Amino acid sequence: MKRPWQRLIRPAAARPLLGTALALAALLASAVPANALPGGSPRPVVTVAQGGLRGQDRGGAQEFLGIPYAAPPVGAARLRPPQAPPRWRGVREAVRQAPACLQFSPFGLADPAAVSEDCLYLDVYRPRGARPGARLPVIVWVHGGAYSQGTGTQFGGRTTADLTQSVVVSINYRLGQLGYLGLPELAAGNERRSGSFGLMDQIAALGWTRQNIAAFGGDPGSVTVSGQSAGSGSVCALLAAPSAAGLFHRAVLQSGPCTLLGAPDGARAESQARTFAARAGCAGPAGVPECLRAVSGAALVEAARTVPTAGPASGDGLLPAAPAQAIGSGAWNKVPVMIGSTRSEARLFVALTQPHLTAEQYAAQVLAEHGASGPEVLARYPVKDHGSPYLALSAVMTDSTFACHTAWTARMFAAQVPTYAYEFDDPRSPTLAGAQVPGLDMANAHSAELAYLHDFTMGDRPLTSVQLGLATAMKRYWGSFARFGAPAVAGQAAWPPAGAGAGFGAGPGAATFLTLDPAATRTSTSFEADHQCAFWRTRPPRPL
């Protein structure tokens, strides 16, 4: 049985309310910046390996939008590894964002003009006055969306670039079965023997960044890769992918712990891919790759409605082992890590799938999901202690998945590298545009922190002045981590490593988290107790 929270981390066949929310958010995200500059001042120009780029000033930052980091993956290049982007003569205009990649969830970016298979582009934001040789820290953002929807254009980086004096890069990558399709006959055509083209795209974007970011004033030796939800799952994969070694130097994982977001093995990935290919009219036995390259994009999206992608597969030359396995064994790209979650992650999923849950339905669902442990789960999470069945189920799902897996993944990292853990806790935070269910408390739900870290187009309301204060503090923490590998900011609450507490490590000592609260940001060692992780450790859900 698919759990409600999985429907955003991994898509499901039908979820009308979630689809409405994402479609509304997507329409907001498609806005394009204006071309003209106030006062006619000279526009910034940089030169990268492919040619010149002319960007624009906006606020305290400069932006260069719609930059190709790979050749268009269309026609014969569909379902193949990314290739080097073409060169151009003269100076290319870089003031319009590129289309999103083809959206494979039943409800994604709705405007056809904003969606294309020709989508391997990125946006770069830098502080005004940044010049080649400035060696500013670089933050590369990997968006979420269940590996099947979303776009980097929803996450502007102007404010972060200006405030933290960093260069911010936000990328697109192939989604759905165009990005993740575990057919051996496709894998046989590339040196990594893999069908995880979306992960290859992310590695290509990091490679482009290493080659070209100095032209924007960035330091190719100081790159932080950061992602949320499935974007965090992508960061887990990048940490475990040998071919990504050396392309980044720090990692941020938001609401997507590696022990929760598993990577399917080759057999499972192939089985899912065969089912998808058959539904796309490419059952074989021969010529399946050629057939899939000839099928329309719309037909591929339709075929995926009941066969969602599981993201990058493990057991091939690109990702030899599942990320949690690789990290646990010590065979990974070791860098300092920041990891965290929101206080009530699952409120989003429950609100969008079961907003009017009754007490009887809550009990039945817990018993069905947790089997013999169900009665104890109900005893630990009684409706009377939470105020409603909706809030009780949200707590069960939050604790058993995101929260405790965040703590367990943090412990795994902290035993090997400097690790900093956080919990976002703003009891009045906005949710995603169009997602608010009247009468339900959706604060601190999955994705709540995004409006505090980006020039975000998907929030359902602007931040208040108090929330903007927390947003500024959070950007400064993230910027310090990107610059120094430690989130130390003068005048803000100290953020010790996750393993700073007495007895941490092999013993039972509590992990240290920073609680990001607009009223009082503070350190805490009660995260695991608050989310009942000792109980859930003996009853963890299956990794995805």
Protein backbone atom coordinates (compact mmCIF):
# COMPACT_ATOMS: atom_id res chain seq x y z
CA MET A 1 0.00 0.00 0.00
CA LYS A 2 1.43 3.37 -1.01
CA ARG A 3 1.70 5.74 1.92
CA PRO A 4 0.24 9.25 1.42
CA TRP A 5 3.58 10.99 1.95
CA GLN A 6 5.12 8.95 -0.85
CA ARG A 7 2.83 10.62 -3.33
CA LEU A 8 4.95 13.76 -3.41
CA ILE A 9 8.33 12.17 -2.91
CA ARG A 10 7.28 9.62 -5.54
CA PRO A 11 4.26 10.25 -7.78
CA ALA A 12 1.03 8.27 -7.76
CA ALA A 13 -1.50 7.67 -10.48
CA ALA A 14 -4.09 10.20 -9.30
CA ARG A 15 -4.20 12.88 -6.63
CA PRO A 16 -6.46 15.70 -7.82
CA LEU A 17 -5.98 18.06 -4.89
CA LEU A 18 -2.19 17.77 -4.97
CA GLY A 19 -2.30 18.19 -8.73
CA THR A 20 -4.29 21.40 -8.39
CA ALA A 21 -1.78 22.76 -5.89
CA LEU A 22 1.19 21.94 -8.06
CA ALA A 23 -0.43 23.22 -11.23
CA LEU A 24 -1.23 26.55 -9.57
CA ALA A 25 2.29 26.76 -8.22
CA ALA A 26 3.70 25.96 -11.64
CA LEU A 27 1.83 28.82 -13.25
CA LEU A 28 3.41 31.21 -10.75
CA ALA A 29 6.80 29.71 -11.45
CA SER A 30 6.64 30.40 -15.18
CA ALA A 31 6.99 34.18 -14.83
CA VAL A 32 9.93 35.54 -16.85
CA PRO A 33 12.10 38.45 -15.72
CA ALA A 34 11.94 41.69 -17.66
CA ASN A 35 14.59 42.37 -20.29
CA ALA A 36 15.07 46.09 -19.78
CA LEU A 37 17.39 47.54 -17.16
CA PRO A 38 16.37 50.68 -15.25
CA GLY A 39 18.17 53.75 -16.53
CA GLY A 40 19.76 51.89 -19.42
CA SER A 41 22.89 50.98 -17.43
CA PRO A 42 25.33 48.56 -19.10
CA ARG A 43 24.34 44.95 -18.67
CA PRO A 44 26.82 42.42 -17.26
CA VAL A 45 28.66 40.14 -19.69
CA VAL A 46 30.67 37.01 -18.88
CA THR A 47 32.48 34.56 -21.14
CA VAL A 48 32.14 30.82 -20.60
CA ALA A 49 33.57 27.94 -22.60
CA GLN A 50 30.69 28.07 -25.08
CA GLY A 51 30.69 31.84 -25.70
CA GLY A 52 29.59 35.14 -24.18
CA LEU A 53 26.54 35.63 -21.95
CA ARG A 54 24.74 38.91 -21.31
CA GLY A 55 22.73 38.93 -18.09
CA GLN A 56 20.97 41.64 -16.12
CA ASP A 57 21.00 43.45 -12.80
CA ARG A 58 18.10 42.79 -10.44
CA GLY A 59 18.19 44.27 -6.97
CA GLY A 60 21.53 43.65 -5.31
CA ALA A 61 22.42 40.80 -7.64
CA GLN A 62 23.04 39.94 -11.26
CA GLU A 63 21.36 37.02 -12.99
CA PHE A 64 22.26 34.98 -16.04
CA LEU A 65 19.31 32.84 -17.03
CA GLY A 66 18.67 29.95 -19.40
CA ILE A 67 22.31 28.87 -19.84
CA PRO A 68 22.72 25.52 -21.64
CA TYR A 69 24.96 23.14 -19.71
CA ALA A 70 24.40 20.23 -22.10
CA ALA A 71 23.17 19.67 -25.64
CA PRO A 72 19.39 19.28 -26.10
CA PRO A 73 18.50 15.63 -25.25
CA VAL A 74 16.01 15.32 -28.10
CA GLY A 75 15.54 13.11 -31.15
CA ALA A 76 18.33 10.55 -31.33
CA ALA A 77 19.78 12.03 -28.11
CA ARG A 78 16.68 11.12 -26.09
CA LEU A 79 17.42 8.47 -23.44
CA ARG A 80 21.17 8.94 -23.81
CA PRO A 81 23.76 10.52 -21.52
CA PRO A 82 24.07 14.31 -21.71
CA GLN A 83 26.53 15.67 -24.26
CA ALA A 84 28.56 18.88 -24.20
CA PRO A 85 26.58 22.02 -25.02
CA PRO A 86 27.16 23.64 -28.42
CA ARG A 87 29.26 26.77 -28.78
CA TRP A 88 27.79 29.99 -30.09
CA ARG A 89 29.22 33.07 -31.74
CA GLY A 90 29.08 36.44 -30.13
CA VAL A 91 27.15 37.15 -26.94
CA ARG A 92 24.05 35.15 -26.02
CA GLU A 93 21.17 36.86 -24.26
CA ALA A 94 20.73 35.32 -20.80
CA VAL A 95 17.68 37.12 -19.39
CA ARG A 96 14.94 34.52 -19.88
CA GLN A 97 14.55 31.28 -17.99
CA ALA A 98 14.43 28.09 -20.01
CA PRO A 99 11.43 25.75 -20.10
CA ALA A 100 10.98 23.11 -17.45
CA CYS A 101 11.75 19.54 -18.41
CA LEU A 102 8.82 17.40 -19.47
CA GLN A 103 6.61 16.86 -16.41
CA PHE A 104 5.79 13.23 -15.68
CA SER A 105 3.45 13.52 -12.75
CA PRO A 106 -0.25 13.59 -13.67
CA PHE A 107 -0.26 17.26 -12.66
CA GLY A 108 2.85 19.33 -13.22
CA LEU A 109 3.66 22.51 -15.12
CA ALA A 110 0.48 23.07 -17.09
CA ASP A 111 1.58 25.70 -19.62
CA PRO A 112 2.94 23.92 -22.72
CA ALA A 113 5.09 26.95 -23.55
CA ALA A 114 7.01 26.41 -20.32
CA VAL A 115 7.72 22.69 -20.82
CA SER A 116 10.11 21.05 -23.27
CA GLU A 117 12.41 18.08 -23.69
CA ASP A 118 15.03 20.68 -24.62
CA CYS A 119 15.50 21.65 -20.99
CA LEU A 120 19.09 21.12 -19.82
CA TYR A 121 19.68 24.69 -18.71
CA LEU A 122 20.66 26.43 -15.51
CA ASP A 123 20.41 29.89 -13.97
CA VAL A 124 23.31 31.68 -12.27
CA TYR A 125 22.96 34.46 -9.69
CA ARG A 126 25.89 36.47 -8.35
CA PRO A 127 26.33 39.58 -6.21
CA ARG A 128 26.60 42.87 -8.03
CA GLY A 129 30.23 43.71 -8.45
CA ALA A 130 31.39 40.08 -8.53
CA ARG A 131 34.19 39.62 -11.02
CA PRO A 132 36.32 36.74 -12.31
CA GLY A 133 38.86 35.81 -9.68
CA ALA A 134 36.65 36.80 -6.72
CA ARG A 135 36.55 33.14 -5.61
CA LEU A 136 33.14 33.37 -4.00
CA PRO A 137 31.55 30.19 -2.61
CA VAL A 138 29.15 28.44 -4.97
CA ILE A 139 25.78 26.86 -4.12
CA VAL A 140 24.25 24.48 -6.69
CA TRP A 141 20.53 23.85 -6.11
CA VAL A 142 18.80 20.59 -7.13
CA HIS A 143 15.01 20.94 -7.04
CA GLY A 144 12.63 18.28 -5.74
CA GLY A 145 9.39 16.93 -7.19
CA ALA A 146 9.40 13.13 -6.89
CA TYR A 147 11.93 12.84 -9.74
CA SER A 148 8.98 13.54 -12.00
CA GLN A 149 8.05 17.22 -11.82
CA GLY A 150 9.36 20.66 -10.92
CA THR A 151 12.01 22.98 -12.26
CA GLY A 152 14.98 24.97 -11.04
CA THR A 153 13.33 28.18 -12.26
CA GLN A 154 11.04 28.16 -9.21
CA PHE A 155 14.03 28.84 -6.95
CA GLY A 156 15.58 32.25 -7.54
CA GLY A 157 18.93 32.95 -5.95
CA ARG A 158 19.21 36.74 -6.08
CA THR A 159 18.63 37.40 -2.38
CA THR A 160 21.01 34.65 -1.25
CA ALA A 161 23.71 35.78 -3.67
CA ASP A 162 23.52 39.37 -2.43
CA LEU A 163 23.16 38.59 1.28
CA THR A 164 25.82 35.89 1.52
CA GLN A 165 28.16 37.03 -1.27
CA SER A 166 27.82 33.65 -2.95
CA VAL A 167 27.23 32.49 -6.51
CA VAL A 168 24.00 30.48 -6.75
CA VAL A 169 23.28 27.98 -9.53
CA SER A 170 19.82 26.43 -10.00
CA ILE A 171 19.52 23.55 -12.47
CA ASN A 172 17.01 21.59 -14.51
CA TYR A 173 17.47 17.87 -15.09
CA ARG A 174 15.47 15.24 -16.97
CA LEU A 175 12.49 13.87 -15.09
CA GLY A 176 10.27 10.81 -15.12
CA GLN A 177 11.21 7.97 -17.44
CA LEU A 178 13.19 10.33 -19.66
CA GLY A 179 15.48 10.76 -16.67
CA TYR A 180 15.29 7.35 -15.01
CA LEU A 181 14.63 4.23 -17.04
CA GLY A 182 16.41 1.02 -16.06
CA LEU A 183 16.41 -0.89 -19.36
CA PRO A 184 19.62 -2.87 -19.94
CA GLU A 185 19.49 -2.16 -23.68
CA LEU A 186 19.59 1.58 -22.92
CA ALA A 187 22.36 1.15 -20.35
CA ALA A 188 24.43 -0.87 -22.81
CA GLY A 189 24.83 2.24 -24.93
CA ASN A 190 26.85 4.23 -22.38
CA GLU A 191 30.03 3.75 -20.42
CA ARG A 192 28.31 3.88 -17.02
CA ARG A 193 25.92 1.08 -18.04
CA SER A 194 23.10 3.06 -16.49
CA GLY A 195 19.68 4.45 -17.38
CA SER A 196 19.77 7.15 -14.69
CA PHE A 197 20.06 10.02 -17.15
CA GLY A 198 18.70 12.56 -14.67
CA LEU A 199 21.57 11.81 -12.29
CA MET A 200 23.97 12.06 -15.23
CA ASP A 201 22.47 15.49 -16.00
CA GLN A 202 23.14 16.64 -12.44
CA ILE A 203 26.74 15.48 -12.70
CA ALA A 204 27.05 17.26 -16.05
CA ALA A 205 25.72 20.47 -14.47
CA LEU A 206 28.31 20.17 -11.69
CA GLY A 207 30.98 19.60 -14.34
CA TRP A 208 29.87 22.71 -16.23
CA THR A 209 29.98 24.63 -12.96
CA ARG A 210 33.52 23.50 -12.23
CA GLN A 211 34.62 24.55 -15.73
CA ASN A 212 32.86 27.90 -15.93
CA ILE A 213 31.88 29.31 -12.54
CA ALA A 214 35.11 31.28 -12.14
CA ALA A 215 33.90 33.53 -14.97
CA PHE A 216 31.06 34.62 -12.67
CA GLY A 217 33.38 35.17 -9.70
CA GLY A 218 32.75 31.76 -8.16
CA ASP A 219 35.33 29.39 -6.74
CA PRO A 220 35.28 25.98 -8.47
CA GLY A 221 37.07 24.62 -5.41
CA SER A 222 34.25 25.65 -3.06
CA VAL A 223 31.01 24.17 -4.37
CA THR A 224 28.09 23.15 -2.15
CA VAL A 225 25.41 20.93 -3.66
CA SER A 226 22.03 21.35 -2.03
CA GLY A 227 18.59 19.81 -2.55
CA GLN A 228 15.19 19.22 -0.99
CA SER A 229 12.86 16.21 -1.08
CA ALA A 230 13.75 14.25 -4.23
CA GLY A 231 16.45 16.87 -4.75
CA SER A 232 17.90 15.74 -1.44
CA GLY A 233 17.61 12.17 -2.67
CA SER A 234 19.63 13.30 -5.68
CA VAL A 235 22.29 14.73 -3.36
CA CYS A 236 22.42 11.36 -1.61
CA ALA A 237 23.05 9.76 -5.01
CA LEU A 238 25.73 12.31 -5.85
CA LEU A 239 27.47 11.53 -2.57
CA ALA A 240 27.52 7.85 -3.56
CA ALA A 241 28.36 8.25 -7.28
CA PRO A 242 32.09 7.76 -7.98
CA SER A 243 31.92 9.95 -11.09
CA ALA A 244 30.75 12.91 -8.98
CA ALA A 245 33.89 12.84 -6.81
CA GLY A 246 35.64 16.19 -6.64
CA LEU A 247 32.78 18.14 -8.24
CA PHE A 248 31.50 19.48 -4.91
CA HIS A 249 32.93 20.08 -1.46
CA ARG A 250 29.92 20.30 0.88
CA ALA A 251 26.38 18.92 0.79
CA VAL A 252 22.99 20.06 2.14
CA LEU A 253 20.09 17.60 2.45
CA GLN A 254 16.65 19.05 3.20
CA SER A 255 13.69 16.75 3.90
CA GLY A 256 15.11 13.78 2.06
CA PRO A 257 17.30 11.59 4.30
CA CYS A 258 19.38 8.94 2.55
CA THR A 259 18.18 6.07 4.74
CA LEU A 260 14.59 6.79 3.70
CA LEU A 261 14.94 7.45 -0.02
CA GLY A 262 16.28 4.16 -1.28
CA ALA A 263 17.51 3.46 -4.82
CA PRO A 264 15.94 0.44 -6.57
CA ASP A 265 18.29 -2.32 -7.60
CA GLY A 266 18.71 -3.27 -11.23
CA ALA A 267 16.08 -6.02 -11.22
CA ARG A 268 13.37 -3.80 -9.73
CA ALA A 269 14.29 -0.90 -12.01
CA GLU A 270 14.18 -3.13 -15.08
CA SER A 271 10.81 -4.59 -14.13
CA GLN A 272 9.32 -1.13 -13.73
CA ALA A 273 10.92 0.01 -16.99
CA ARG A 274 9.53 -2.97 -18.94
CA THR A 275 6.04 -2.23 -17.66
CA PHE A 276 6.40 1.41 -18.65
CA ALA A 277 7.76 0.59 -22.10
CA ALA A 278 4.88 -1.79 -22.77
CA ARG A 279 2.34 0.86 -21.79
CA ALA A 280 4.10 3.27 -24.15
CA GLY A 281 3.63 0.76 -26.97
CA CYS A 282 7.24 -0.46 -26.98
CA ALA A 283 6.97 -4.00 -25.69
CA GLY A 284 9.73 -5.47 -27.85
CA PRO A 285 11.30 -7.99 -27.89
CA ALA A 286 13.61 -5.94 -30.13
CA GLY A 287 13.96 -2.27 -30.91
CA VAL A 288 12.67 -0.93 -27.59
CA PRO A 289 15.15 1.99 -27.39
CA GLU A 290 14.37 3.07 -30.93
CA CYS A 291 10.64 2.81 -30.25
CA LEU A 292 10.90 4.90 -27.08
CA ARG A 293 12.86 7.56 -28.93
CA ALA A 294 10.13 7.78 -31.56
CA VAL A 295 7.12 7.94 -29.21
CA SER A 296 5.73 11.40 -28.51
CA GLY A 297 6.46 13.04 -25.20
CA ALA A 298 2.75 13.16 -24.43
CA ALA A 299 2.50 9.39 -24.90
CA LEU A 300 5.42 8.85 -22.51
CA VAL A 301 3.75 11.01 -19.88
CA GLU A 302 0.49 9.10 -20.32
CA ALA A 303 2.29 5.75 -19.97
CA ALA A 304 3.88 6.94 -16.72
CA ARG A 305 0.59 7.79 -15.02
CA THR A 306 0.31 4.40 -13.37
CA VAL A 307 4.03 3.50 -13.48
CA PRO A 308 5.86 6.29 -11.63
CA THR A 309 9.62 6.39 -11.75
CA ALA A 310 11.57 5.32 -8.67
CA GLY A 311 14.46 7.69 -9.36
CA PRO A 312 18.09 6.66 -9.84
CA ALA A 313 18.78 2.91 -9.71
CA SER A 314 21.70 1.30 -7.94
CA GLY A 315 23.99 -1.53 -8.90
CA ASP A 316 25.45 -0.08 -12.11
CA GLY A 317 28.57 1.85 -13.06
CA LEU A 318 27.00 5.19 -12.20
CA LEU A 319 25.66 4.27 -8.75
CA PRO A 320 27.32 1.01 -7.70
CA ALA A 321 25.51 0.86 -4.35
CA ALA A 322 22.41 2.44 -2.88
CA PRO A 323 23.38 5.74 -1.20
CA ALA A 324 22.62 4.64 2.38
CA GLN A 325 24.63 1.47 1.86
CA ALA A 326 27.57 3.37 0.34
CA ILE A 327 27.58 6.01 3.08
CA GLY A 328 27.25 3.43 5.84
CA SER A 329 30.22 1.50 4.46
CA GLY A 330 32.38 4.62 4.19
CA ALA A 331 32.71 4.29 0.41
CA TRP A 332 31.34 7.69 -0.64
CA ASN A 333 32.41 11.21 -1.60
CA LYS A 334 33.13 12.43 1.91
CA VAL A 335 32.35 16.12 2.48
CA PRO A 336 30.87 18.13 5.37
CA VAL A 337 27.09 17.75 5.55
CA MET A 338 24.13 19.81 6.67
CA ILE A 339 20.89 17.83 7.05
CA GLY A 340 17.43 18.55 8.41
CA SER A 341 13.66 18.40 8.15
CA THR A 342 10.57 20.40 9.02
CA ARG A 343 8.75 19.87 12.30
CA SER A 344 5.57 18.39 10.76
CA GLU A 345 6.58 17.12 7.32
CA ALA A 346 3.58 14.85 6.75
CA ARG A 347 0.93 17.50 7.27
CA LEU A 348 1.20 18.33 3.57
CA PHE A 349 0.62 14.77 2.44
CA VAL A 350 -2.25 14.05 4.85
CA ALA A 351 -3.95 17.38 4.10
CA LEU A 352 -3.83 16.76 0.36
CA THR A 353 -5.04 13.17 0.53
CA GLN A 354 -7.11 12.73 3.72
CA PRO A 355 -8.05 16.19 4.99
CA HIS A 356 -11.25 15.08 6.72
CA LEU A 357 -10.00 11.89 8.30
CA THR A 358 -12.20 10.51 11.08
CA ALA A 359 -10.96 8.88 14.27
CA GLU A 360 -12.20 5.52 13.03
CA GLN A 361 -10.40 5.92 9.72
CA TYR A 362 -7.23 6.98 11.54
CA ALA A 363 -7.24 3.87 13.70
CA ALA A 364 -7.99 1.59 10.76
CA GLN A 365 -5.19 3.08 8.70
CA VAL A 366 -2.62 2.78 11.48
CA LEU A 367 -3.58 -0.84 12.13
CA ALA A 368 -3.42 -1.67 8.43
CA GLU A 369 -0.06 0.04 7.94
CA HIS A 370 1.71 -1.11 11.10
CA GLY A 371 0.25 -4.56 11.63
CA ALA A 372 1.13 -6.08 14.98
CA SER A 373 2.66 -2.79 16.11
CA GLY A 374 -0.53 -0.89 15.30
CA PRO A 375 -2.05 -0.93 18.79
CA GLU A 376 1.15 0.43 20.31
CA VAL A 377 1.34 3.15 17.64
CA LEU A 378 -2.22 4.18 18.48
CA ALA A 379 -1.37 4.20 22.19
CA ARG A 380 1.65 6.45 21.56
CA TYR A 381 -0.24 8.77 19.20
CA PRO A 382 -3.80 9.08 20.59
CA VAL A 383 -6.08 11.55 18.85
CA LYS A 384 -6.76 13.34 22.15
CA ASP A 385 -3.10 14.32 22.47
CA HIS A 386 -2.98 15.84 18.97
CA GLY A 387 -6.34 17.52 18.64
CA SER A 388 -7.59 15.76 15.52
CA PRO A 389 -7.13 12.55 13.52
CA TYR A 390 -5.44 14.65 10.81
CA LEU A 391 -2.79 15.91 13.21
CA ALA A 392 -2.35 12.50 14.84
CA LEU A 393 -1.74 10.73 11.53
CA SER A 394 0.56 13.56 10.45
CA ALA A 395 2.62 13.01 13.59
CA VAL A 396 2.81 9.24 13.03
CA MET A 397 3.93 9.69 9.45
CA THR A 398 6.36 12.52 10.21
CA ASP A 399 8.08 10.68 13.03
CA SER A 400 8.26 7.26 11.39
CA THR A 401 9.66 8.58 8.12
CA PHE A 402 11.27 11.99 7.69
CA ALA A 403 12.11 12.94 11.27
CA CYS A 404 13.70 9.76 12.56
CA HIS A 405 15.38 8.94 9.27
CA THR A 406 16.86 12.42 9.34
CA ALA A 407 18.31 11.68 12.77
CA TRP A 408 19.58 8.25 11.70
CA THR A 409 21.15 9.60 8.51
CA ALA A 410 22.72 12.45 10.49
CA ARG A 411 24.27 9.93 12.88
CA MET A 412 25.68 7.96 9.97
CA PHE A 413 27.28 11.09 8.53
CA ALA A 414 28.46 12.44 11.89
CA ALA A 415 30.51 9.32 12.53
CA GLN A 416 32.57 10.18 9.44
CA VAL A 417 32.46 13.91 8.60
CA PRO A 418 31.50 17.25 10.17
CA THR A 419 27.70 17.18 10.24
CA TYR A 420 25.17 19.85 11.20
CA ALA A 421 21.51 18.99 11.80
CA TYR A 422 18.48 21.26 11.97
CA GLU A 423 14.72 21.23 12.44
CA PHE A 424 12.63 23.98 10.86
CA ASP A 425 9.87 24.98 13.30
CA ASP A 426 7.80 28.05 12.44
CA PRO A 427 4.26 27.41 13.73
CA ARG A 428 2.89 30.01 11.29
CA SER A 429 4.84 29.13 8.16
CA PRO A 430 3.11 29.33 4.76
CA THR A 431 2.45 26.22 2.74
CA LEU A 432 2.59 25.71 -1.04
CA ALA A 433 0.40 27.88 -3.24
CA GLY A 434 -3.03 26.34 -3.67
CA ALA A 435 -2.36 23.58 -1.15
CA GLN A 436 -3.95 25.13 1.94
CA VAL A 437 -7.02 23.18 3.04
CA PRO A 438 -9.44 25.48 4.90
CA GLY A 439 -9.44 24.84 8.60
CA LEU A 440 -6.29 22.68 8.71
CA ASP A 441 -3.03 23.65 10.37
CA MET A 442 -0.42 23.04 7.65
CA ALA A 443 2.46 24.93 9.25
CA ASN A 444 5.87 23.25 9.21
CA ALA A 445 4.75 20.84 6.51
CA HIS A 446 6.98 19.40 3.79
CA SER A 447 8.52 22.24 1.73
CA ALA A 448 7.75 24.91 4.38
CA GLU A 449 11.38 26.03 4.63
CA LEU A 450 11.78 26.73 0.91
CA ALA A 451 10.25 30.20 1.06
CA TYR A 452 12.85 31.14 3.69
CA LEU A 453 15.85 30.10 1.60
CA HIS A 454 14.98 31.12 -1.97
CA ASP A 455 13.24 33.78 -4.02
CA PHE A 456 10.46 31.24 -4.11
CA THR A 457 7.50 31.37 -6.50
CA MET A 458 5.40 28.65 -4.85
CA GLY A 459 4.54 30.00 -1.40
CA ASP A 460 0.85 30.62 -0.67
CA ARG A 461 1.48 33.98 1.00
CA PRO A 462 4.34 36.41 1.64
CA LEU A 463 6.46 36.06 4.75
CA THR A 464 5.81 38.43 7.63
CA SER A 465 8.51 40.74 8.95
CA VAL A 466 9.27 38.27 11.74
CA GLN A 467 9.49 35.40 9.27
CA LEU A 468 11.73 37.47 7.01
CA GLY A 469 14.06 37.80 9.99
CA LEU A 470 14.26 34.02 10.27
CA ALA A 471 14.71 33.78 6.49
CA THR A 472 17.69 36.13 6.66
CA ALA A 473 19.23 34.15 9.51
CA MET A 474 18.74 30.88 7.64
CA LYS A 475 20.34 32.22 4.46
CA ARG A 476 23.31 33.38 6.50
CA TYR A 477 23.69 29.94 8.13
CA TRP A 478 23.51 28.24 4.74
CA GLY A 479 25.92 30.80 3.27
CA SER A 480 28.43 30.28 6.08
CA PHE A 481 28.27 26.53 5.58
CA ALA A 482 28.91 27.03 1.86
CA ARG A 483 31.87 29.30 2.58
CA PHE A 484 33.51 27.57 5.53
CA GLY A 485 31.94 24.12 5.88
CA ALA A 486 30.42 25.21 9.21
CA PRO A 487 27.28 27.32 9.80
CA ALA A 488 28.89 29.82 12.17
CA VAL A 489 27.41 33.34 11.97
CA ALA A 490 28.36 36.20 14.28
CA GLY A 491 25.36 37.48 16.23
CA GLN A 492 23.27 34.37 15.61
CA ALA A 493 22.68 31.31 17.77
CA ALA A 494 25.65 28.94 17.82
CA TRP A 495 25.15 25.79 15.75
CA PRO A 496 27.29 22.96 17.11
CA PRO A 497 27.89 19.75 15.17
CA ALA A 498 25.30 16.99 15.45
CA GLY A 499 27.78 14.85 17.35
CA ALA A 500 28.76 17.50 19.88
CA GLY A 501 26.71 16.07 22.75
CA ALA A 502 28.16 13.89 25.46
CA GLY A 503 27.98 10.20 24.71
CA PHE A 504 27.18 10.68 21.03
CA GLY A 505 28.54 8.15 18.55
CA ALA A 506 28.61 4.48 19.43
CA GLY A 507 26.75 5.21 22.66
CA PRO A 508 23.20 6.40 23.26
CA GLY A 509 24.01 10.12 23.46
CA ALA A 510 21.48 12.44 21.84
CA ALA A 511 22.19 14.17 18.55
CA THR A 512 22.36 17.96 18.63
CA PHE A 513 19.98 19.86 16.34
CA LEU A 514 19.48 23.56 15.72
CA THR A 515 15.80 24.47 15.99
CA LEU A 516 15.02 27.20 13.44
CA ASP A 517 12.21 29.09 15.17
CA PRO A 518 11.38 32.77 14.44
CA ALA A 519 10.76 33.33 18.13
CA ALA A 520 13.96 31.75 19.43
CA THR A 521 16.40 29.78 17.31
CA ARG A 522 18.21 27.44 19.69
CA THR A 523 20.11 24.20 20.02
CA SER A 524 18.31 21.08 21.20
CA THR A 525 19.17 17.51 22.08
CA SER A 526 15.54 16.39 22.33
CA PHE A 527 14.81 15.90 18.60
CA GLU A 528 14.97 12.11 18.72
CA ALA A 529 12.90 11.95 21.90
CA ASP A 530 10.35 14.44 20.56
CA HIS A 531 9.80 12.25 17.51
CA GLN A 532 9.94 8.92 19.43
CA CYS A 533 12.85 7.64 17.36
CA ALA A 534 13.84 4.92 19.84
CA PHE A 535 10.41 3.40 19.28
CA TRP A 536 10.52 3.79 15.50
CA ARG A 537 14.03 2.36 15.21
CA THR A 538 12.58 -1.08 15.89
CA ARG A 539 9.70 -0.52 13.47
CA PRO A 540 11.07 1.47 10.54
CA PRO A 541 9.10 1.61 7.27
CA ARG A 542 10.66 0.11 4.20
CA PRO A 543 13.03 2.46 2.31
CA LEU A 544 11.55 3.70 -0.92
